[in-house]
Amino acid sequence: MDPRNTPGYRMHRALTKLDRLEAAGLDEADRERIETARTHLQNVSLLSHPERQEEAAVHAES
């Protein structure tokens, strides 16, 4: 099986693409949609990989 054909990889790629978008040229509604999508992908990633919740908590505290 191709390792790129996994849900985790696809979530990572989607999140990476959202992070690379240039938000400066977008209107407020589009920026809000991008932020919402980014948040949803991060939450799904944490649900899929519970060990990352601990990492997220450590980064949030620092």
N, C-alpha and C. Protein backbone atom coordinates (compact mmCIF):
# COMPACT_ATOMS: atom_id res chain seq x y z
N MET A 1 0.84 -1.19 0.00
CA MET A 1 0.00 0.00 0.00
C MET A 1 0.89 1.25 0.00
N ASP A 2 0.50 2.19 -0.78
CA ASP A 2 1.22 3.46 -0.87
C ASP A 2 1.06 4.23 0.44
N PRO A 3 2.15 4.62 1.11
CA PRO A 3 2.02 5.33 2.40
C PRO A 3 1.32 6.68 2.26
N ARG A 4 1.27 7.22 1.05
CA ARG A 4 0.57 8.49 0.85
C ARG A 4 -0.94 8.30 0.76
N ASN A 5 -1.37 7.04 0.75
CA ASN A 5 -2.79 6.75 0.64
C ASN A 5 -3.37 6.39 2.01
N THR A 6 -3.04 7.16 3.01
CA THR A 6 -3.54 6.93 4.35
C THR A 6 -4.25 8.20 4.84
N PRO A 7 -5.24 8.06 5.70
CA PRO A 7 -5.95 9.25 6.20
C PRO A 7 -5.02 10.23 6.91
N GLY A 8 -4.08 9.73 7.68
CA GLY A 8 -3.16 10.62 8.40
C GLY A 8 -2.32 11.45 7.46
N TYR A 9 -1.86 10.84 6.39
CA TYR A 9 -1.05 11.57 5.41
C TYR A 9 -1.90 12.64 4.73
N ARG A 10 -3.12 12.27 4.37
CA ARG A 10 -3.99 13.23 3.69
C ARG A 10 -4.33 14.41 4.59
N MET A 11 -4.56 14.15 5.89
CA MET A 11 -4.82 15.24 6.83
C MET A 11 -3.60 16.15 6.93
N HIS A 12 -2.43 15.54 7.01
CA HIS A 12 -1.20 16.31 7.10
C HIS A 12 -1.02 17.20 5.87
N ARG A 13 -1.25 16.63 4.68
CA ARG A 13 -1.10 17.41 3.45
C ARG A 13 -2.10 18.56 3.39
N ALA A 14 -3.35 18.30 3.79
CA ALA A 14 -4.37 19.35 3.77
C ALA A 14 -3.99 20.47 4.73
N LEU A 15 -3.52 20.10 5.91
CA LEU A 15 -3.12 21.11 6.89
C LEU A 15 -1.92 21.90 6.40
N THR A 16 -0.96 21.22 5.78
CA THR A 16 0.21 21.90 5.23
C THR A 16 -0.20 22.90 4.15
N LYS A 17 -1.10 22.50 3.29
CA LYS A 17 -1.55 23.42 2.23
C LYS A 17 -2.29 24.62 2.80
N LEU A 18 -3.10 24.39 3.83
CA LEU A 18 -3.79 25.52 4.47
C LEU A 18 -2.79 26.47 5.11
N ASP A 19 -1.74 25.93 5.71
CA ASP A 19 -0.74 26.77 6.35
C ASP A 19 0.04 27.61 5.34
N ARG A 20 0.14 27.13 4.11
CA ARG A 20 0.92 27.82 3.08
C ARG A 20 0.12 28.89 2.33
N LEU A 21 -1.19 28.94 2.55
CA LEU A 21 -2.00 29.94 1.86
C LEU A 21 -1.63 31.34 2.30
N GLU A 22 -1.59 32.24 1.35
CA GLU A 22 -1.34 33.64 1.66
C GLU A 22 -2.68 34.29 1.99
N ALA A 23 -2.90 34.58 3.24
CA ALA A 23 -4.18 35.11 3.69
C ALA A 23 -4.30 36.62 3.47
N ALA A 24 -3.20 37.28 3.15
CA ALA A 24 -3.23 38.74 3.03
C ALA A 24 -4.17 39.20 1.93
N GLY A 25 -4.28 38.46 0.84
CA GLY A 25 -5.12 38.88 -0.27
C GLY A 25 -6.55 38.40 -0.17
N LEU A 26 -6.89 37.73 0.91
CA LEU A 26 -8.24 37.17 1.05
C LEU A 26 -9.11 38.07 1.91
N ASP A 27 -10.41 37.97 1.69
CA ASP A 27 -11.31 38.75 2.55
C ASP A 27 -11.48 38.05 3.90
N GLU A 28 -12.12 38.74 4.81
CA GLU A 28 -12.26 38.24 6.19
C GLU A 28 -12.98 36.90 6.25
N ALA A 29 -14.02 36.73 5.44
CA ALA A 29 -14.79 35.47 5.46
C ALA A 29 -13.91 34.29 5.02
N ASP A 30 -13.08 34.49 4.01
CA ASP A 30 -12.20 33.42 3.55
C ASP A 30 -11.13 33.10 4.60
N ARG A 31 -10.57 34.12 5.24
CA ARG A 31 -9.59 33.88 6.29
C ARG A 31 -10.22 33.10 7.45
N GLU A 32 -11.46 33.43 7.77
CA GLU A 32 -12.16 32.73 8.84
C GLU A 32 -12.41 31.27 8.46
N ARG A 33 -12.77 31.02 7.20
CA ARG A 33 -12.97 29.64 6.73
C ARG A 33 -11.69 28.83 6.80
N ILE A 34 -10.59 29.45 6.42
CA ILE A 34 -9.29 28.77 6.48
C ILE A 34 -8.93 28.44 7.92
N GLU A 35 -9.14 29.37 8.81
CA GLU A 35 -8.83 29.13 10.23
C GLU A 35 -9.72 28.03 10.80
N THR A 36 -10.99 28.03 10.42
CA THR A 36 -11.91 26.98 10.88
C THR A 36 -11.48 25.62 10.35
N ALA A 37 -11.12 25.56 9.09
CA ALA A 37 -10.67 24.29 8.50
C ALA A 37 -9.39 23.81 9.18
N ARG A 38 -8.47 24.73 9.44
CA ARG A 38 -7.22 24.38 10.12
C ARG A 38 -7.50 23.81 11.51
N THR A 39 -8.41 24.46 12.23
CA THR A 39 -8.77 23.99 13.58
C THR A 39 -9.40 22.61 13.53
N HIS A 40 -10.31 22.40 12.58
CA HIS A 40 -10.95 21.08 12.45
C HIS A 40 -9.92 20.00 12.14
N LEU A 41 -9.01 20.27 11.23
CA LEU A 41 -7.99 19.28 10.89
C LEU A 41 -7.09 18.97 12.08
N GLN A 42 -6.73 19.98 12.84
CA GLN A 42 -5.91 19.75 14.02
C GLN A 42 -6.66 18.93 15.06
N ASN A 43 -7.94 19.20 15.25
CA ASN A 43 -8.74 18.44 16.21
C ASN A 43 -8.88 16.99 15.77
N VAL A 44 -9.11 16.76 14.50
CA VAL A 44 -9.22 15.39 13.99
C VAL A 44 -7.90 14.67 14.16
N SER A 45 -6.81 15.37 13.93
CA SER A 45 -5.49 14.76 14.09
C SER A 45 -5.27 14.35 15.54
N LEU A 46 -5.69 15.19 16.48
CA LEU A 46 -5.53 14.85 17.90
C LEU A 46 -6.41 13.67 18.28
N LEU A 47 -7.60 13.59 17.69
CA LEU A 47 -8.49 12.46 17.99
C LEU A 47 -7.93 11.17 17.40
N SER A 48 -7.30 11.28 16.24
CA SER A 48 -6.75 10.10 15.57
C SER A 48 -5.48 9.59 16.25
N HIS A 49 -4.75 10.52 16.86
CA HIS A 49 -3.47 10.19 17.50
C HIS A 49 -3.45 10.78 18.91
N PRO A 50 -4.03 10.08 19.89
CA PRO A 50 -4.12 10.63 21.25
C PRO A 50 -2.78 11.02 21.85
N GLU A 51 -1.70 10.37 21.44
CA GLU A 51 -0.40 10.72 22.00
C GLU A 51 -0.01 12.15 21.64
N ARG A 52 -0.58 12.70 20.58
CA ARG A 52 -0.27 14.08 20.18
C ARG A 52 -0.96 15.09 21.08
N GLN A 53 -1.99 14.68 21.82
CA GLN A 53 -2.65 15.60 22.75
C GLN A 53 -1.69 16.05 23.82
N GLU A 54 -0.85 15.14 24.27
CA GLU A 54 0.15 15.51 25.28
C GLU A 54 1.15 16.51 24.70
N GLU A 55 1.56 16.28 23.44
CA GLU A 55 2.50 17.20 22.79
C GLU A 55 1.86 18.58 22.63
N ALA A 56 0.58 18.60 22.24
CA ALA A 56 -0.11 19.88 22.05
C ALA A 56 -0.23 20.63 23.36
N ALA A 57 -0.48 19.91 24.44
CA ALA A 57 -0.59 20.54 25.74
C ALA A 57 0.74 21.15 26.17
N VAL A 58 1.83 20.47 25.89
CA VAL A 58 3.15 20.98 26.24
C VAL A 58 3.44 22.25 25.44
N HIS A 59 3.11 22.26 24.13
CA HIS A 59 3.36 23.43 23.31
C HIS A 59 2.46 24.59 23.69
N ALA A 60 1.25 24.32 24.13
CA ALA A 60 0.31 25.37 24.51
C ALA A 60 0.77 26.06 25.79
N GLU A 61 1.41 25.31 26.68
CA GLU A 61 1.86 25.88 27.95
C GLU A 61 3.11 26.74 27.77
N SER A 62 3.90 26.49 26.77
CA SER A 62 5.15 27.24 26.60
C SER A 62 4.97 28.52 25.86
